[in-house]
Amino acid sequence: MSKTVTLQNVPQTHIYFIYSSMNRLLTLIFGATLTVATTSGSIYAQTTTPTKPAEPQPTQSMQEMYDKLHGNTNKKPATQPTKSKTTTPPKSTTKPKPQTAQKSSPAPAPKAAAPAEEGGFKFKVGLRGGANYCNFSVPSSQTSSGVTLDPIIGYHGGLILSFGGKAFSVQPEILYSQVGIKSTTRQGGVTLTGENKINTVTVPVLLKFALGGESFKFFINGGGYGSYSLNGKAKIMINQQTTTTDIKFDKGDPRIEYGAVGGAGISLGLGKAQLLIEGRYYYGLGNDDGDLDANEKSFVRNIQGSVGILIPIGGK
């Protein structure tokens, strides 16, 4: 048989013990519930909140590659940072020296071609021509004979050769030159006038010294000459009547003369060529006329004025 127990049948001390035990149990249950709830919430928060992945830290090999690229091969590898989120590679304390581009030395400028006059030995060829103002010396036997000698106007022209440098040169020439004399004699009221013109080949050989630049030079020259008579003309006028005859030289006739020559002039540059303006004087000293004494011989006295041109041969 079952027996029903009511609170009224339970002693008061038992009732107090039951309530006290229930209160403790509820307190434990409530505390356990809070603990479980708190733990669950933290677990939930940890599982639901996404965590930021840790950034990769540079390894020692990466640091060594960085140092090699930046020229820091002697520097010890830096320690890995632990607290910073982003790792910055350590900067090298020694900056690499900037590579200065070596300037290539400029190629030497080509030397300008030297003018034809500059430098060493040069060969030149040219032409010259002009006028003669010619006379002859008077033999001693003719000084008191009443014969008057006057100069004539002739001409000359020919080839010039020049060998030498800027200041000094040797200049031989081959010239066709006309020389002569005009004589006047009065006898018994009759006036006799004679004019002789002789064509010669004259070869002067000159030493030449020049001062100045390419555009303008002053020069002097001097040397000797020889001439050879070719032919000529004689004109005789008596009382307004004129007779002309040819002068011909036969074998054995005196035809050669020699003497001294000198002059001065200027040279003007015309590109590579030179324009010459010059004056000279020819002074005869002897000839091959063996039939006359030295005092009875007549020698040429010739003043020349000429214009010429010289051109270098073989120069650049």
C-alpha atoms as a PDB file:
ATOM      1  CA  MET A   1       0.000   0.000   0.000  1.00  0.00           C
ATOM      2  CA  SER A   2       1.203   3.381  -0.808  1.00  0.00           C
ATOM      3  CA  LYS A   3       1.489   5.950   1.747  1.00  0.00           C
ATOM      4  CA  THR A   4       0.796   9.601   0.999  1.00  0.00           C
ATOM      5  CA  VAL A   5       3.082  12.033   2.683  1.00  0.00           C
ATOM      6  CA  THR A   6       1.991  15.671   3.018  1.00  0.00           C
ATOM      7  CA  LEU A   7       3.852  18.671   4.279  1.00  0.00           C
ATOM      8  CA  GLN A   8       1.734  18.724   7.240  1.00  0.00           C
ATOM      9  CA  ASN A   9       3.004  15.321   8.290  1.00  0.00           C
ATOM     10  CA  VAL A  10       6.657  16.353   7.759  1.00  0.00           C
ATOM     11  CA  PRO A  11       8.432  17.872  10.646  1.00  0.00           C
ATOM     12  CA  GLN A  12       9.517  21.513  10.357  1.00  0.00           C
ATOM     13  CA  THR A  13      13.188  20.671  10.518  1.00  0.00           C
ATOM     14  CA  HIS A  14      12.857  18.411   7.501  1.00  0.00           C
ATOM     15  CA  ILE A  15      10.986  21.094   5.548  1.00  0.00           C
ATOM     16  CA  TYR A  16      13.724  23.625   6.238  1.00  0.00           C
ATOM     17  CA  PHE A  17      16.351  21.127   5.125  1.00  0.00           C
ATOM     18  CA  ILE A  18      14.482  20.468   1.880  1.00  0.00           C
ATOM     19  CA  TYR A  19      14.118  24.191   1.008  1.00  0.00           C
ATOM     20  CA  SER A  20      17.726  24.831   1.865  1.00  0.00           C
ATOM     21  CA  SER A  21      18.858  22.011  -0.361  1.00  0.00           C
ATOM     22  CA  MET A  22      16.674  23.253  -3.234  1.00  0.00           C
ATOM     23  CA  ASN A  23      18.037  26.741  -2.922  1.00  0.00           C
ATOM     24  CA  ARG A  24      21.582  25.464  -3.153  1.00  0.00           C
ATOM     25  CA  LEU A  25      20.710  23.318  -6.119  1.00  0.00           C
ATOM     26  CA  LEU A  26      19.087  26.233  -7.945  1.00  0.00           C
ATOM     27  CA  THR A  27      22.068  28.398  -7.171  1.00  0.00           C
ATOM     28  CA  LEU A  28      24.413  25.779  -8.612  1.00  0.00           C
ATOM     29  CA  ILE A  29      22.195  25.303 -11.664  1.00  0.00           C
ATOM     30  CA  PHE A  30      21.968  29.039 -12.238  1.00  0.00           C
ATOM     31  CA  GLY A  31      25.714  29.494 -11.869  1.00  0.00           C
ATOM     32  CA  ALA A  32      26.396  26.588 -14.153  1.00  0.00           C
ATOM     33  CA  THR A  33      23.994  28.040 -16.677  1.00  0.00           C
ATOM     34  CA  LEU A  34      25.751  31.415 -16.612  1.00  0.00           C
ATOM     35  CA  THR A  35      29.114  29.737 -16.949  1.00  0.00           C
ATOM     36  CA  VAL A  36      27.913  27.677 -19.897  1.00  0.00           C
ATOM     37  CA  ALA A  37      26.350  30.736 -21.519  1.00  0.00           C
ATOM     38  CA  THR A  38      29.482  32.800 -21.074  1.00  0.00           C
ATOM     39  CA  THR A  39      31.715  30.072 -22.387  1.00  0.00           C
ATOM     40  CA  SER A  40      29.416  29.476 -25.338  1.00  0.00           C
ATOM     41  CA  GLY A  41      29.363  33.184 -26.173  1.00  0.00           C
ATOM     42  CA  SER A  42      33.134  33.449 -26.142  1.00  0.00           C
ATOM     43  CA  ILE A  43      33.463  30.280 -28.188  1.00  0.00           C
ATOM     44  CA  TYR A  44      30.869  31.616 -30.617  1.00  0.00           C
ATOM     45  CA  ALA A  45      32.667  34.922 -30.850  1.00  0.00           C
ATOM     46  CA  GLN A  46      35.950  33.189 -31.464  1.00  0.00           C
ATOM     47  CA  THR A  47      34.491  30.957 -34.134  1.00  0.00           C
ATOM     48  CA  THR A  48      32.450  33.641 -35.912  1.00  0.00           C
ATOM     49  CA  THR A  49      34.982  36.532 -35.914  1.00  0.00           C
ATOM     50  CA  PRO A  50      37.408  36.142 -38.893  1.00  0.00           C
ATOM     51  CA  THR A  51      41.008  36.562 -37.939  1.00  0.00           C
ATOM     52  CA  LYS A  52      43.429  38.467 -40.233  1.00  0.00           C
ATOM     53  CA  PRO A  53      46.052  36.121 -41.578  1.00  0.00           C
ATOM     54  CA  ALA A  54      49.529  36.894 -40.402  1.00  0.00           C
ATOM     55  CA  GLU A  55      51.649  38.590 -43.049  1.00  0.00           C
ATOM     56  CA  PRO A  56      54.641  36.612 -44.206  1.00  0.00           C
ATOM     57  CA  GLN A  57      57.848  37.695 -42.597  1.00  0.00           C
ATOM     58  CA  PRO A  58      60.999  38.106 -44.727  1.00  0.00           C
ATOM     59  CA  THR A  59      63.310  35.183 -44.312  1.00  0.00           C
ATOM     60  CA  GLN A  60      67.065  35.342 -44.132  1.00  0.00           C
ATOM     61  CA  SER A  61      67.455  34.239 -47.765  1.00  0.00           C
ATOM     62  CA  MET A  62      65.126  37.018 -48.895  1.00  0.00           C
ATOM     63  CA  GLN A  63      67.170  39.536 -46.914  1.00  0.00           C
ATOM     64  CA  GLU A  64      70.380  38.285 -48.512  1.00  0.00           C
ATOM     65  CA  MET A  65      68.879  38.668 -51.995  1.00  0.00           C
ATOM     66  CA  TYR A  66      67.819  42.229 -51.154  1.00  0.00           C
ATOM     67  CA  ASP A  67      71.305  43.082 -49.901  1.00  0.00           C
ATOM     68  CA  LYS A  68      72.913  41.678 -53.031  1.00  0.00           C
ATOM     69  CA  LEU A  69      70.626  43.710 -55.263  1.00  0.00           C
ATOM     70  CA  HIS A  70      71.495  46.899 -53.332  1.00  0.00           C
ATOM     71  CA  GLY A  71      75.202  46.271 -52.980  1.00  0.00           C
ATOM     72  CA  ASN A  72      75.119  45.515 -49.220  1.00  0.00           C
ATOM     73  CA  THR A  73      76.965  42.244 -49.341  1.00  0.00           C
ATOM     74  CA  ASN A  74      79.100  42.969 -46.248  1.00  0.00           C
ATOM     75  CA  LYS A  75      76.218  43.781 -43.957  1.00  0.00           C
ATOM     76  CA  LYS A  76      74.954  41.149 -41.508  1.00  0.00           C
ATOM     77  CA  PRO A  77      71.363  40.073 -42.047  1.00  0.00           C
ATOM     78  CA  ALA A  78      68.953  42.137 -40.046  1.00  0.00           C
ATOM     79  CA  THR A  79      66.825  40.562 -37.301  1.00  0.00           C
ATOM     80  CA  GLN A  80      63.280  39.800 -38.222  1.00  0.00           C
ATOM     81  CA  PRO A  81      60.767  42.270 -36.778  1.00  0.00           C
ATOM     82  CA  THR A  82      58.104  40.584 -34.634  1.00  0.00           C
ATOM     83  CA  LYS A  83      55.713  43.302 -33.596  1.00  0.00           C
ATOM     84  CA  SER A  84      55.200  45.386 -36.698  1.00  0.00           C
ATOM     85  CA  LYS A  85      52.417  44.310 -38.997  1.00  0.00           C
ATOM     86  CA  THR A  86      54.264  45.230 -42.161  1.00  0.00           C
ATOM     87  CA  THR A  87      57.916  44.488 -42.435  1.00  0.00           C
ATOM     88  CA  THR A  88      60.019  47.091 -44.270  1.00  0.00           C
ATOM     89  CA  PRO A  89      63.378  45.867 -45.491  1.00  0.00           C
ATOM     90  CA  PRO A  90      66.131  47.667 -43.619  1.00  0.00           C
ATOM     91  CA  LYS A  91      67.715  50.463 -45.563  1.00  0.00           C
ATOM     92  CA  SER A  92      71.403  50.257 -46.171  1.00  0.00           C
ATOM     93  CA  THR A  93      73.418  52.801 -44.218  1.00  0.00           C
ATOM     94  CA  THR A  94      75.990  53.040 -46.981  1.00  0.00           C
ATOM     95  CA  LYS A  95      74.594  54.486 -50.152  1.00  0.00           C
ATOM     96  CA  PRO A  96      76.060  53.056 -53.322  1.00  0.00           C
ATOM     97  CA  LYS A  97      78.199  55.558 -55.137  1.00  0.00           C
ATOM     98  CA  PRO A  98      76.472  56.870 -58.236  1.00  0.00           C
ATOM     99  CA  GLN A  99      77.995  55.598 -61.377  1.00  0.00           C
ATOM    100  CA  THR A 100      79.254  58.580 -63.265  1.00  0.00           C
ATOM    101  CA  ALA A 101      79.135  58.142 -66.989  1.00  0.00           C
ATOM    102  CA  GLN A 102      82.577  58.500 -68.410  1.00  0.00           C
ATOM    103  CA  LYS A 103      82.580  61.110 -71.062  1.00  0.00           C
ATOM    104  CA  SER A 104      84.166  59.837 -74.165  1.00  0.00           C
ATOM    105  CA  SER A 105      86.923  62.117 -75.287  1.00  0.00           C
ATOM    106  CA  PRO A 106      85.859  63.938 -78.422  1.00  0.00           C
ATOM    107  CA  ALA A 107      87.481  62.795 -81.585  1.00  0.00           C
ATOM    108  CA  PRO A 108      90.222  65.183 -82.640  1.00  0.00           C
ATOM    109  CA  ALA A 109      89.059  67.596 -85.242  1.00  0.00           C
ATOM    110  CA  PRO A 110      90.638  67.038 -88.602  1.00  0.00           C
ATOM    111  CA  LYS A 111      93.366  69.431 -89.293  1.00  0.00           C
ATOM    112  CA  ALA A 112      92.593  72.002 -91.854  1.00  0.00           C
ATOM    113  CA  ALA A 113      94.535  71.568 -95.042  1.00  0.00           C
ATOM    114  CA  ALA A 114      97.564  73.824 -94.936  1.00  0.00           C
ATOM    115  CA  PRO A 115      97.627  76.558 -97.556  1.00  0.00           C
ATOM    116  CA  ALA A 116      99.848  75.929-100.488  1.00  0.00           C
ATOM    117  CA  GLU A 117     102.401  78.398 -99.135  1.00  0.00           C
ATOM    118  CA  GLU A 118     102.713  76.830 -95.686  1.00  0.00           C
ATOM    119  CA  GLY A 119     104.960  73.991 -94.714  1.00  0.00           C
ATOM    120  CA  GLY A 120     107.981  72.510 -96.394  1.00  0.00           C
ATOM    121  CA  PHE A 121     109.301  72.395 -99.912  1.00  0.00           C
ATOM    122  CA  LYS A 122     106.845  73.479-102.604  1.00  0.00           C
ATOM    123  CA  PHE A 123     106.995  73.686-106.369  1.00  0.00           C
ATOM    124  CA  LYS A 124     105.108  76.446-108.173  1.00  0.00           C
ATOM    125  CA  VAL A 125     104.726  77.476-111.737  1.00  0.00           C
ATOM    126  CA  GLY A 126     103.394  80.675-113.223  1.00  0.00           C
ATOM    127  CA  LEU A 127     103.570  83.418-115.819  1.00  0.00           C
ATOM    128  CA  ARG A 128     104.695  87.006-115.754  1.00  0.00           C
ATOM    129  CA  GLY A 129     104.779  89.850-118.246  1.00  0.00           C
ATOM    130  CA  GLY A 130     105.165  93.596-118.459  1.00  0.00           C
ATOM    131  CA  ALA A 131     107.093  96.495-119.902  1.00  0.00           C
ATOM    132  CA  ASN A 132     110.802  97.296-120.328  1.00  0.00           C
ATOM    133  CA  TYR A 133     112.315 100.726-120.069  1.00  0.00           C
ATOM    134  CA  CYS A 134     115.658  99.931-121.640  1.00  0.00           C
ATOM    135  CA  ASN A 135     118.911 101.750-122.313  1.00  0.00           C
ATOM    136  CA  PHE A 136     122.581 100.883-122.832  1.00  0.00           C
ATOM    137  CA  SER A 137     125.743 102.082-121.230  1.00  0.00           C
ATOM    138  CA  VAL A 138     127.808 104.572-123.248  1.00  0.00           C
ATOM    139  CA  PRO A 139     131.290 103.445-124.270  1.00  0.00           C
ATOM    140  CA  SER A 140     134.078 105.748-123.173  1.00  0.00           C
ATOM    141  CA  SER A 141     134.900 106.664-126.771  1.00  0.00           C
ATOM    142  CA  GLN A 142     131.383 107.942-127.294  1.00  0.00           C
ATOM    143  CA  THR A 143     131.037 110.226-124.280  1.00  0.00           C
ATOM    144  CA  SER A 144     132.291 113.327-126.171  1.00  0.00           C
ATOM    145  CA  SER A 145     131.244 112.453-129.711  1.00  0.00           C
ATOM    146  CA  GLY A 146     128.003 114.331-129.620  1.00  0.00           C
ATOM    147  CA  VAL A 147     125.888 111.137-129.678  1.00  0.00           C
ATOM    148  CA  THR A 148     122.830 111.220-127.438  1.00  0.00           C
ATOM    149  CA  LEU A 149     121.408 107.920-126.158  1.00  0.00           C
ATOM    150  CA  ASP A 150     117.798 107.634-125.062  1.00  0.00           C
ATOM    151  CA  PRO A 151     115.836 104.660-123.655  1.00  0.00           C
ATOM    152  CA  ILE A 152     113.090 102.871-125.530  1.00  0.00           C
ATOM    153  CA  ILE A 153     109.931 101.082-124.378  1.00  0.00           C
ATOM    154  CA  GLY A 154     109.895  97.347-124.936  1.00  0.00           C
ATOM    155  CA  TYR A 155     108.116  94.373-123.407  1.00  0.00           C
ATOM    156  CA  HIS A 156     108.781  90.993-121.788  1.00  0.00           C
ATOM    157  CA  GLY A 157     106.852  87.872-120.856  1.00  0.00           C
ATOM    158  CA  GLY A 158     107.400  84.240-120.040  1.00  0.00           C
ATOM    159  CA  LEU A 159     107.467  81.333-117.631  1.00  0.00           C
ATOM    160  CA  ILE A 160     108.194  81.360-113.872  1.00  0.00           C
ATOM    161  CA  LEU A 161     109.330  78.395-111.797  1.00  0.00           C
ATOM    162  CA  SER A 162     109.615  78.505-108.008  1.00  0.00           C
ATOM    163  CA  PHE A 163     111.205  76.013-105.601  1.00  0.00           C
ATOM    164  CA  GLY A 164     111.120  76.567-101.860  1.00  0.00           C
ATOM    165  CA  GLY A 165     109.100  77.283 -98.762  1.00  0.00           C
ATOM    166  CA  LYS A 166     107.181  80.071 -97.114  1.00  0.00           C
ATOM    167  CA  ALA A 167     110.013  82.568 -96.686  1.00  0.00           C
ATOM    168  CA  PHE A 168     112.886  81.458 -98.927  1.00  0.00           C
ATOM    169  CA  SER A 169     112.714  80.191-102.478  1.00  0.00           C
ATOM    170  CA  VAL A 170     114.687  79.955-105.707  1.00  0.00           C
ATOM    171  CA  GLN A 171     112.944  81.374-108.762  1.00  0.00           C
ATOM    172  CA  PRO A 172     114.339  80.772-112.250  1.00  0.00           C
ATOM    173  CA  GLU A 173     112.528  82.277-115.224  1.00  0.00           C
ATOM    174  CA  ILE A 174     112.567  82.029-119.011  1.00  0.00           C
ATOM    175  CA  LEU A 175     111.526  85.344-120.600  1.00  0.00           C
ATOM    176  CA  TYR A 176     111.175  86.681-124.081  1.00  0.00           C
ATOM    177  CA  SER A 177     112.431  90.247-123.709  1.00  0.00           C
ATOM    178  CA  GLN A 178     112.837  93.157-126.124  1.00  0.00           C
ATOM    179  CA  VAL A 179     115.686  95.550-125.384  1.00  0.00           C
ATOM    180  CA  GLY A 180     117.230  98.370-127.378  1.00  0.00           C
ATOM    181  CA  ILE A 181     118.409 101.915-127.580  1.00  0.00           C
ATOM    182  CA  LYS A 182     117.699 105.150-129.441  1.00  0.00           C
ATOM    183  CA  SER A 183     120.624 107.281-130.578  1.00  0.00           C
ATOM    184  CA  THR A 184     120.659 110.799-132.058  1.00  0.00           C
ATOM    185  CA  THR A 185     123.574 112.483-133.885  1.00  0.00           C
ATOM    186  CA  ARG A 186     123.778 115.926-135.490  1.00  0.00           C
ATOM    187  CA  GLN A 187     126.406 116.578-138.159  1.00  0.00           C
ATOM    188  CA  GLY A 188     126.570 119.527-140.584  1.00  0.00           C
ATOM    189  CA  GLY A 189     122.978 120.453-140.039  1.00  0.00           C
ATOM    190  CA  VAL A 190     121.842 116.891-140.613  1.00  0.00           C
ATOM    191  CA  THR A 191     120.083 114.985-137.835  1.00  0.00           C
ATOM    192  CA  LEU A 192     120.589 111.248-137.837  1.00  0.00           C
ATOM    193  CA  THR A 193     118.340 109.168-135.556  1.00  0.00           C
ATOM    194  CA  GLY A 194     118.718 105.465-135.122  1.00  0.00           C
ATOM    195  CA  GLU A 195     116.586 103.072-133.125  1.00  0.00           C
ATOM    196  CA  ASN A 196     117.638  99.487-132.548  1.00  0.00           C
ATOM    197  CA  LYS A 197     115.384  96.841-130.975  1.00  0.00           C
ATOM    198  CA  ILE A 198     116.779  93.404-130.211  1.00  0.00           C
ATOM    199  CA  ASN A 199     114.696  90.387-129.225  1.00  0.00           C
ATOM    200  CA  THR A 200     116.361  88.136-126.648  1.00  0.00           C
ATOM    201  CA  VAL A 201     115.774  85.106-124.487  1.00  0.00           C
ATOM    202  CA  THR A 202     116.644  86.181-120.950  1.00  0.00           C
ATOM    203  CA  VAL A 203     117.051  83.712-118.096  1.00  0.00           C
ATOM    204  CA  PRO A 204     117.223  85.277-114.617  1.00  0.00           C
ATOM    205  CA  VAL A 205     117.847  83.056-111.583  1.00  0.00           C
ATOM    206  CA  LEU A 206     116.727  84.738-108.349  1.00  0.00           C
ATOM    207  CA  LEU A 207     116.923  84.078-104.646  1.00  0.00           C
ATOM    208  CA  LYS A 208     113.702  85.292-103.111  1.00  0.00           C
ATOM    209  CA  PHE A 209     112.894  86.273 -99.518  1.00  0.00           C
ATOM    210  CA  ALA A 210     109.267  86.974 -98.515  1.00  0.00           C
ATOM    211  CA  LEU A 211     107.607  88.402 -95.405  1.00  0.00           C
ATOM    212  CA  GLY A 212     103.906  88.367 -94.531  1.00  0.00           C
ATOM    213  CA  GLY A 213     100.827  86.194 -94.550  1.00  0.00           C
ATOM    214  CA  GLU A 214      98.895  84.379 -97.220  1.00  0.00           C
ATOM    215  CA  SER A 215      96.780  87.379 -98.177  1.00  0.00           C
ATOM    216  CA  PHE A 216      99.643  89.861 -98.460  1.00  0.00           C
ATOM    217  CA  LYS A 217     103.425  89.523 -98.691  1.00  0.00           C
ATOM    218  CA  PHE A 218     106.336  91.766 -99.406  1.00  0.00           C
ATOM    219  CA  PHE A 219     109.335  90.202-101.091  1.00  0.00           C
ATOM    220  CA  ILE A 220     112.773  91.070-102.402  1.00  0.00           C
ATOM    221  CA  ASN A 221     114.882  89.077-104.809  1.00  0.00           C
ATOM    222  CA  GLY A 222     118.306  89.151-106.350  1.00  0.00           C
ATOM    223  CA  GLY A 223     120.576  87.074-108.520  1.00  0.00           C
ATOM    224  CA  GLY A 224     122.081  86.928-111.963  1.00  0.00           C
ATOM    225  CA  TYR A 225     120.899  86.654-115.518  1.00  0.00           C
ATOM    226  CA  GLY A 226     122.067  85.629-118.944  1.00  0.00           C
ATOM    227  CA  SER A 227     120.561  86.616-122.293  1.00  0.00           C
ATOM    228  CA  TYR A 228     120.866  85.408-125.843  1.00  0.00           C
ATOM    229  CA  SER A 229     120.067  87.696-128.800  1.00  0.00           C
ATOM    230  CA  LEU A 230     117.759  86.240-131.426  1.00  0.00           C
ATOM    231  CA  ASN A 231     117.123  88.982-133.966  1.00  0.00           C
ATOM    232  CA  GLY A 232     116.085  92.596-134.193  1.00  0.00           C
ATOM    233  CA  LYS A 233     115.190  95.641-136.242  1.00  0.00           C
ATOM    234  CA  ALA A 234     117.044  98.844-136.960  1.00  0.00           C
ATOM    235  CA  LYS A 235     115.271 102.038-137.901  1.00  0.00           C
ATOM    236  CA  ILE A 236     117.193 104.978-139.330  1.00  0.00           C
ATOM    237  CA  MET A 237     115.646 108.418-139.871  1.00  0.00           C
ATOM    238  CA  ILE A 238     117.516 111.084-141.886  1.00  0.00           C
ATOM    239  CA  ASN A 239     115.781 114.425-142.525  1.00  0.00           C
ATOM    240  CA  GLN A 240     112.301 112.971-142.162  1.00  0.00           C
ATOM    241  CA  GLN A 241     113.136 109.914-144.251  1.00  0.00           C
ATOM    242  CA  THR A 242     112.877 106.510-142.521  1.00  0.00           C
ATOM    243  CA  THR A 243     114.650 103.322-143.433  1.00  0.00           C
ATOM    244  CA  THR A 244     113.998 100.008-141.671  1.00  0.00           C
ATOM    245  CA  THR A 245     116.254  96.974-141.830  1.00  0.00           C
ATOM    246  CA  ASP A 246     116.334  93.602-140.093  1.00  0.00           C
ATOM    247  CA  ILE A 247     119.156  92.753-137.732  1.00  0.00           C
ATOM    248  CA  LYS A 248     120.440  89.224-138.198  1.00  0.00           C
ATOM    249  CA  PHE A 249     123.195  87.525-136.278  1.00  0.00           C
ATOM    250  CA  ASP A 250     125.630  85.335-138.108  1.00  0.00           C
ATOM    251  CA  LYS A 251     127.814  82.644-136.694  1.00  0.00           C
ATOM    252  CA  GLY A 252     130.509  84.165-134.525  1.00  0.00           C
ATOM    253  CA  ASP A 253     128.642  87.422-133.847  1.00  0.00           C
ATOM    254  CA  PRO A 254     128.447  88.494-130.190  1.00  0.00           C
ATOM    255  CA  ARG A 255     125.008  87.476-128.924  1.00  0.00           C
ATOM    256  CA  ILE A 256     125.434  86.613-125.243  1.00  0.00           C
ATOM    257  CA  GLU A 257     125.288  88.992-122.308  1.00  0.00           C
ATOM    258  CA  TYR A 258     125.296  88.406-118.536  1.00  0.00           C
ATOM    259  CA  GLY A 259     124.870  90.580-115.483  1.00  0.00           C
ATOM    260  CA  ALA A 260     123.116  91.118-112.162  1.00  0.00           C
ATOM    261  CA  VAL A 261     119.411  91.535-111.463  1.00  0.00           C
ATOM    262  CA  GLY A 262     117.404  92.478-108.407  1.00  0.00           C
ATOM    263  CA  GLY A 263     113.997  93.752-107.456  1.00  0.00           C
ATOM    264  CA  ALA A 264     111.110  93.939-105.015  1.00  0.00           C
ATOM    265  CA  GLY A 265     107.366  93.516-105.058  1.00  0.00           C
ATOM    266  CA  ILE A 266     104.225  92.356-103.344  1.00  0.00           C
ATOM    267  CA  SER A 267     102.258  89.122-103.439  1.00  0.00           C
ATOM    268  CA  LEU A 268      98.476  88.991-103.045  1.00  0.00           C
ATOM    269  CA  GLY A 269      96.649  85.775-102.203  1.00  0.00           C
ATOM    270  CA  LEU A 270      94.074  84.568-104.734  1.00  0.00           C
ATOM    271  CA  GLY A 271      92.956  81.306-103.134  1.00  0.00           C
ATOM    272  CA  LYS A 272      95.865  78.945-103.668  1.00  0.00           C
ATOM    273  CA  ALA A 273      97.437  81.172-106.304  1.00  0.00           C
ATOM    274  CA  GLN A 274      99.546  84.281-105.780  1.00  0.00           C
ATOM    275  CA  LEU A 275      99.314  87.505-107.749  1.00  0.00           C
ATOM    276  CA  LEU A 276     102.727  89.148-108.145  1.00  0.00           C
ATOM    277  CA  ILE A 277     103.342  92.856-108.750  1.00  0.00           C
ATOM    278  CA  GLU A 278     107.039  93.519-109.137  1.00  0.00           C
ATOM    279  CA  GLY A 279     109.769  95.897-110.282  1.00  0.00           C
ATOM    280  CA  ARG A 280     113.297  94.866-111.345  1.00  0.00           C
ATOM    281  CA  TYR A 281     116.531  96.277-112.616  1.00  0.00           C
ATOM    282  CA  TYR A 282     118.938  94.471-114.980  1.00  0.00           C
ATOM    283  CA  TYR A 283     122.540  95.603-114.960  1.00  0.00           C
ATOM    284  CA  GLY A 284     124.755  94.188-117.722  1.00  0.00           C
ATOM    285  CA  LEU A 285     128.334  93.327-116.728  1.00  0.00           C
ATOM    286  CA  GLY A 286     129.771  91.566-119.737  1.00  0.00           C
ATOM    287  CA  ASN A 287     129.234  90.002-123.173  1.00  0.00           C
ATOM    288  CA  ASP A 288     130.987  87.741-125.619  1.00  0.00           C
ATOM    289  CA  ASP A 289     132.231  90.474-127.956  1.00  0.00           C
ATOM    290  CA  GLY A 290     135.930  89.682-128.073  1.00  0.00           C
ATOM    291  CA  ASP A 291     136.768  92.375-130.652  1.00  0.00           C
ATOM    292  CA  LEU A 292     136.232  95.245-128.212  1.00  0.00           C
ATOM    293  CA  ASP A 293     137.967  96.212-125.039  1.00  0.00           C
ATOM    294  CA  ALA A 294     135.940  96.281-121.865  1.00  0.00           C
ATOM    295  CA  ASN A 295     135.823 100.098-121.947  1.00  0.00           C
ATOM    296  CA  GLU A 296     134.358 100.058-125.450  1.00  0.00           C
ATOM    297  CA  LYS A 297     131.597  97.601-124.772  1.00  0.00           C
ATOM    298  CA  SER A 298     128.034  98.659-124.242  1.00  0.00           C
ATOM    299  CA  PHE A 299     125.838  96.807-121.745  1.00  0.00           C
ATOM    300  CA  VAL A 300     122.115  96.749-121.143  1.00  0.00           C
ATOM    301  CA  ARG A 301     120.442  98.848-118.448  1.00  0.00           C
ATOM    302  CA  ASN A 302     116.849  97.706-118.176  1.00  0.00           C
ATOM    303  CA  ILE A 303     114.046  98.600-115.780  1.00  0.00           C
ATOM    304  CA  GLN A 304     111.129  96.156-115.747  1.00  0.00           C
ATOM    305  CA  GLY A 305     107.646  96.443-114.320  1.00  0.00           C
ATOM    306  CA  SER A 306     105.539  93.287-114.393  1.00  0.00           C
ATOM    307  CA  VAL A 307     102.492  91.437-113.184  1.00  0.00           C
ATOM    308  CA  GLY A 308     102.581  87.680-112.651  1.00  0.00           C
ATOM    309  CA  ILE A 309     100.813  84.732-111.132  1.00  0.00           C
ATOM    310  CA  LEU A 310     102.152  81.673-109.289  1.00  0.00           C
ATOM    311  CA  ILE A 311     100.208  78.449-108.781  1.00  0.00           C
ATOM    312  CA  PRO A 312     101.373  75.538-106.570  1.00  0.00           C
ATOM    313  CA  ILE A 313     101.741  72.200-108.306  1.00  0.00           C
ATOM    314  CA  GLY A 314     100.968  68.990-106.412  1.00  0.00           C
ATOM    315  CA  GLY A 315      99.642  70.744-103.271  1.00  0.00           C
ATOM    316  CA  LYS A 316      96.323  69.865-101.600  1.00  0.00           C
END
